[in-house]
Amino acid sequence: MTLEILLAIHKLQAFAPDPAGIGRMLAAAERNLRDAGIEALSAENRFDAAYKTIMQCAMLGLWANGYRTSTSQPGHHQTAIQSLSKTTGVLADTVIVLDALRKRRNLNDYDGDSVSDALVSECVEQARALLSHTRQWLGIHHP
């Protein structure tokens, strides 16, 4: 599905990108990734911080392309993550993994499912890779 179709069905909204806002969101993603590495935090909080980094990178991709999710619509996290291949060129296989992490986050947040150390490690590694990809993509396409 294209970004234009997502806009037409109200999953996305037009958004005027703001370089200062993009800089703040990038800094927030970096802070969350650092927080995800704090061993004294619970696995759930480390996972949440890493997942937040993933979401912030997904939002950066949308913002830089002139869109944002319609947060009043259900599934805005899903829309942001699943649009990464369209916004920043993330490979489809990676998007599948990131979307699986989104589903695990929902199970933890809404059903109280526990988060293993292995899942935290996977989320942190995916967040680190996506943040690196996002920085590189922004440097090339929106310096």
C-alpha atoms as a PDB file:
ATOM      1  CA  MET A   1       0.000   0.000   0.000  1.00  0.00           C
ATOM      2  CA  THR A   2       1.406   3.405  -0.913  1.00  0.00           C
ATOM      3  CA  LEU A   3       1.725   6.346   1.438  1.00  0.00           C
ATOM      4  CA  GLU A   4      -0.796   8.210  -0.721  1.00  0.00           C
ATOM      5  CA  ILE A   5      -3.384   5.443  -0.228  1.00  0.00           C
ATOM      6  CA  LEU A   6      -2.736   5.477   3.526  1.00  0.00           C
ATOM      7  CA  LEU A   7      -3.353   9.233   3.413  1.00  0.00           C
ATOM      8  CA  ALA A   8      -6.583   8.761   1.436  1.00  0.00           C
ATOM      9  CA  ILE A   9      -7.950   6.205   3.930  1.00  0.00           C
ATOM     10  CA  HIS A  10      -6.998   8.473   6.855  1.00  0.00           C
ATOM     11  CA  LYS A  11      -4.277   6.233   8.312  1.00  0.00           C
ATOM     12  CA  LEU A  12      -1.821   9.075   7.636  1.00  0.00           C
ATOM     13  CA  GLN A  13      -2.066  12.852   7.727  1.00  0.00           C
ATOM     14  CA  ALA A  14      -0.068  15.392   5.753  1.00  0.00           C
ATOM     15  CA  PHE A  15       2.672  16.870   7.892  1.00  0.00           C
ATOM     16  CA  ALA A  16       5.113  19.713   7.269  1.00  0.00           C
ATOM     17  CA  PRO A  17       8.521  18.390   8.305  1.00  0.00           C
ATOM     18  CA  ASP A  18      10.374  20.572  10.785  1.00  0.00           C
ATOM     19  CA  PRO A  19      14.164  20.113  10.934  1.00  0.00           C
ATOM     20  CA  ALA A  20      14.236  21.068  14.631  1.00  0.00           C
ATOM     21  CA  GLY A  21      11.455  18.593  15.419  1.00  0.00           C
ATOM     22  CA  ILE A  22      13.246  15.872  13.492  1.00  0.00           C
ATOM     23  CA  GLY A  23      16.395  16.640  15.487  1.00  0.00           C
ATOM     24  CA  ARG A  24      14.500  16.407  18.783  1.00  0.00           C
ATOM     25  CA  MET A  25      12.889  13.091  17.792  1.00  0.00           C
ATOM     26  CA  LEU A  26      16.253  11.683  16.732  1.00  0.00           C
ATOM     27  CA  ALA A  27      17.753  12.738  20.088  1.00  0.00           C
ATOM     28  CA  ALA A  28      14.809  11.133  21.922  1.00  0.00           C
ATOM     29  CA  ALA A  29      15.333   7.877  20.006  1.00  0.00           C
ATOM     30  CA  GLU A  30      19.012   7.918  20.971  1.00  0.00           C
ATOM     31  CA  ARG A  31      18.122   8.509  24.658  1.00  0.00           C
ATOM     32  CA  ASN A  32      15.618   5.667  24.631  1.00  0.00           C
ATOM     33  CA  LEU A  33      18.154   3.301  23.116  1.00  0.00           C
ATOM     34  CA  ARG A  34      20.630   4.234  25.864  1.00  0.00           C
ATOM     35  CA  ASP A  35      17.933   3.640  28.489  1.00  0.00           C
ATOM     36  CA  ALA A  36      17.223   0.208  26.981  1.00  0.00           C
ATOM     37  CA  GLY A  37      20.806  -0.722  27.867  1.00  0.00           C
ATOM     38  CA  ILE A  38      20.441   0.032  31.593  1.00  0.00           C
ATOM     39  CA  GLU A  39      20.747  -3.398  33.182  1.00  0.00           C
ATOM     40  CA  ALA A  40      19.200  -2.236  36.478  1.00  0.00           C
ATOM     41  CA  LEU A  41      15.831  -1.721  34.754  1.00  0.00           C
ATOM     42  CA  SER A  42      13.313  -4.544  34.444  1.00  0.00           C
ATOM     43  CA  ALA A  43      13.154  -6.492  31.202  1.00  0.00           C
ATOM     44  CA  GLU A  44       9.763  -4.911  30.479  1.00  0.00           C
ATOM     45  CA  ASN A  45      11.089  -1.360  30.832  1.00  0.00           C
ATOM     46  CA  ARG A  46      14.190  -2.098  28.746  1.00  0.00           C
ATOM     47  CA  PHE A  47      11.967  -3.646  26.075  1.00  0.00           C
ATOM     48  CA  ASP A  48       9.640  -0.611  26.165  1.00  0.00           C
ATOM     49  CA  ALA A  49      12.563   1.785  25.753  1.00  0.00           C
ATOM     50  CA  ALA A  50      13.944  -0.173  22.791  1.00  0.00           C
ATOM     51  CA  TYR A  51      10.492  -0.429  21.225  1.00  0.00           C
ATOM     52  CA  LYS A  52      10.032   3.316  21.679  1.00  0.00           C
ATOM     53  CA  THR A  53      13.257   3.832  19.702  1.00  0.00           C
ATOM     54  CA  ILE A  54      11.784   1.725  16.893  1.00  0.00           C
ATOM     55  CA  MET A  55       8.577   3.764  16.901  1.00  0.00           C
ATOM     56  CA  GLN A  56      10.471   7.053  16.946  1.00  0.00           C
ATOM     57  CA  CYS A  57      12.525   5.945  13.932  1.00  0.00           C
ATOM     58  CA  ALA A  58       9.332   4.954  12.127  1.00  0.00           C
ATOM     59  CA  MET A  59       7.867   8.373  12.911  1.00  0.00           C
ATOM     60  CA  LEU A  60      11.031  10.070  11.643  1.00  0.00           C
ATOM     61  CA  GLY A  61      10.662   8.271   8.326  1.00  0.00           C
ATOM     62  CA  LEU A  62       7.085   9.431   8.007  1.00  0.00           C
ATOM     63  CA  TRP A  63       7.835  12.989   9.098  1.00  0.00           C
ATOM     64  CA  ALA A  64      10.729  13.366   6.690  1.00  0.00           C
ATOM     65  CA  ASN A  65       8.405  12.277   3.873  1.00  0.00           C
ATOM     66  CA  GLY A  66       5.708  14.768   4.862  1.00  0.00           C
ATOM     67  CA  TYR A  67       3.375  12.461   6.799  1.00  0.00           C
ATOM     68  CA  ARG A  68       2.442  11.456  10.307  1.00  0.00           C
ATOM     69  CA  THR A  69       0.148   8.750  11.608  1.00  0.00           C
ATOM     70  CA  SER A  70      -3.422   9.574  12.506  1.00  0.00           C
ATOM     71  CA  THR A  71      -3.180   8.814  16.209  1.00  0.00           C
ATOM     72  CA  SER A  72      -6.959   8.983  16.513  1.00  0.00           C
ATOM     73  CA  GLN A  73      -7.146   5.912  14.271  1.00  0.00           C
ATOM     74  CA  PRO A  74      -6.536   2.449  15.723  1.00  0.00           C
ATOM     75  CA  GLY A  75      -3.340   0.756  14.581  1.00  0.00           C
ATOM     76  CA  HIS A  76      -1.140   3.840  14.271  1.00  0.00           C
ATOM     77  CA  HIS A  77       1.909   1.933  15.583  1.00  0.00           C
ATOM     78  CA  GLN A  78       1.274  -0.790  13.016  1.00  0.00           C
ATOM     79  CA  THR A  79       0.903   1.783  10.235  1.00  0.00           C
ATOM     80  CA  ALA A  80       4.155   3.530  11.208  1.00  0.00           C
ATOM     81  CA  ILE A  81       6.186   0.327  11.381  1.00  0.00           C
ATOM     82  CA  GLN A  82       4.713  -1.240   8.266  1.00  0.00           C
ATOM     83  CA  SER A  83       5.412   1.927   6.254  1.00  0.00           C
ATOM     84  CA  LEU A  84       9.172   1.789   6.939  1.00  0.00           C
ATOM     85  CA  SER A  85       9.934   0.111   3.608  1.00  0.00           C
ATOM     86  CA  LYS A  86       8.143   2.990   1.836  1.00  0.00           C
ATOM     87  CA  THR A  87       9.599   5.798   3.953  1.00  0.00           C
ATOM     88  CA  THR A  88      13.226   4.829   4.565  1.00  0.00           C
ATOM     89  CA  GLY A  89      13.770   1.726   2.458  1.00  0.00           C
ATOM     90  CA  VAL A  90      13.887  -0.793   5.314  1.00  0.00           C
ATOM     91  CA  LEU A  91      13.870  -4.341   3.927  1.00  0.00           C
ATOM     92  CA  ALA A  92      10.563  -6.229   4.108  1.00  0.00           C
ATOM     93  CA  ASP A  93      12.134  -9.007   6.233  1.00  0.00           C
ATOM     94  CA  THR A  94      13.176  -6.421   8.811  1.00  0.00           C
ATOM     95  CA  VAL A  95       9.717  -4.852   8.837  1.00  0.00           C
ATOM     96  CA  ILE A  96       8.258  -8.291   9.622  1.00  0.00           C
ATOM     97  CA  VAL A  97      10.582  -8.619  12.620  1.00  0.00           C
ATOM     98  CA  LEU A  98       9.796  -5.087  13.823  1.00  0.00           C
ATOM     99  CA  ASP A  99       6.075  -5.745  13.494  1.00  0.00           C
ATOM    100  CA  ALA A 100       6.453  -8.954  15.522  1.00  0.00           C
ATOM    101  CA  LEU A 101       8.113  -6.873  18.251  1.00  0.00           C
ATOM    102  CA  ARG A 102       5.137  -4.500  18.100  1.00  0.00           C
ATOM    103  CA  LYS A 103       2.807  -7.452  18.671  1.00  0.00           C
ATOM    104  CA  ARG A 104       4.919  -8.628  21.620  1.00  0.00           C
ATOM    105  CA  ARG A 105       4.789  -5.125  23.071  1.00  0.00           C
ATOM    106  CA  ASN A 106       0.992  -5.214  22.846  1.00  0.00           C
ATOM    107  CA  LEU A 107       0.878  -8.579  24.634  1.00  0.00           C
ATOM    108  CA  ASN A 108       3.012  -7.161  27.421  1.00  0.00           C
ATOM    109  CA  ASP A 109       1.123  -3.874  27.687  1.00  0.00           C
ATOM    110  CA  TYR A 110      -2.419  -5.199  27.364  1.00  0.00           C
ATOM    111  CA  ASP A 111      -2.215  -8.809  28.633  1.00  0.00           C
ATOM    112  CA  GLY A 112       0.682  -8.601  31.072  1.00  0.00           C
ATOM    113  CA  ASP A 113       2.777 -11.196  29.233  1.00  0.00           C
ATOM    114  CA  SER A 114       6.327 -11.301  30.505  1.00  0.00           C
ATOM    115  CA  VAL A 115       9.336 -10.250  28.468  1.00  0.00           C
ATOM    116  CA  SER A 116      12.375 -12.521  28.377  1.00  0.00           C
ATOM    117  CA  ASP A 117      15.969 -11.318  28.359  1.00  0.00           C
ATOM    118  CA  ALA A 118      16.315 -12.821  24.876  1.00  0.00           C
ATOM    119  CA  LEU A 119      13.386 -10.742  23.638  1.00  0.00           C
ATOM    120  CA  VAL A 120      14.893  -7.616  25.193  1.00  0.00           C
ATOM    121  CA  SER A 121      18.196  -8.340  23.443  1.00  0.00           C
ATOM    122  CA  GLU A 122      16.435  -8.819  20.107  1.00  0.00           C
ATOM    123  CA  CYS A 123      14.454  -5.596  20.497  1.00  0.00           C
ATOM    124  CA  VAL A 124      17.563  -3.631  21.503  1.00  0.00           C
ATOM    125  CA  GLU A 125      19.517  -4.999  18.543  1.00  0.00           C
ATOM    126  CA  GLN A 126      16.691  -4.208  16.109  1.00  0.00           C
ATOM    127  CA  ALA A 127      16.341  -0.711  17.593  1.00  0.00           C
ATOM    128  CA  ARG A 128      20.094  -0.117  17.304  1.00  0.00           C
ATOM    129  CA  ALA A 129      20.136  -1.244  13.666  1.00  0.00           C
ATOM    130  CA  LEU A 130      17.052   0.805  12.777  1.00  0.00           C
ATOM    131  CA  LEU A 131      18.415   3.920  14.463  1.00  0.00           C
ATOM    132  CA  SER A 132      21.664   3.546  12.520  1.00  0.00           C
ATOM    133  CA  HIS A 133      19.722   3.042   9.285  1.00  0.00           C
ATOM    134  CA  THR A 134      17.514   6.062  10.059  1.00  0.00           C
ATOM    135  CA  ARG A 135      20.504   8.314  10.761  1.00  0.00           C
ATOM    136  CA  GLN A 136      22.143   7.235   7.513  1.00  0.00           C
ATOM    137  CA  TRP A 137      18.918   7.641   5.531  1.00  0.00           C
ATOM    138  CA  LEU A 138      18.282  11.105   6.968  1.00  0.00           C
ATOM    139  CA  GLY A 139      21.886  12.122   6.231  1.00  0.00           C
ATOM    140  CA  ILE A 140      21.476  11.167   2.581  1.00  0.00           C
ATOM    141  CA  HIS A 141      17.906  12.278   1.913  1.00  0.00           C
ATOM    142  CA  HIS A 142      17.359  15.093   4.425  1.00  0.00           C
ATOM    143  CA  PRO A 143      20.761  16.473   5.503  1.00  0.00           C
END
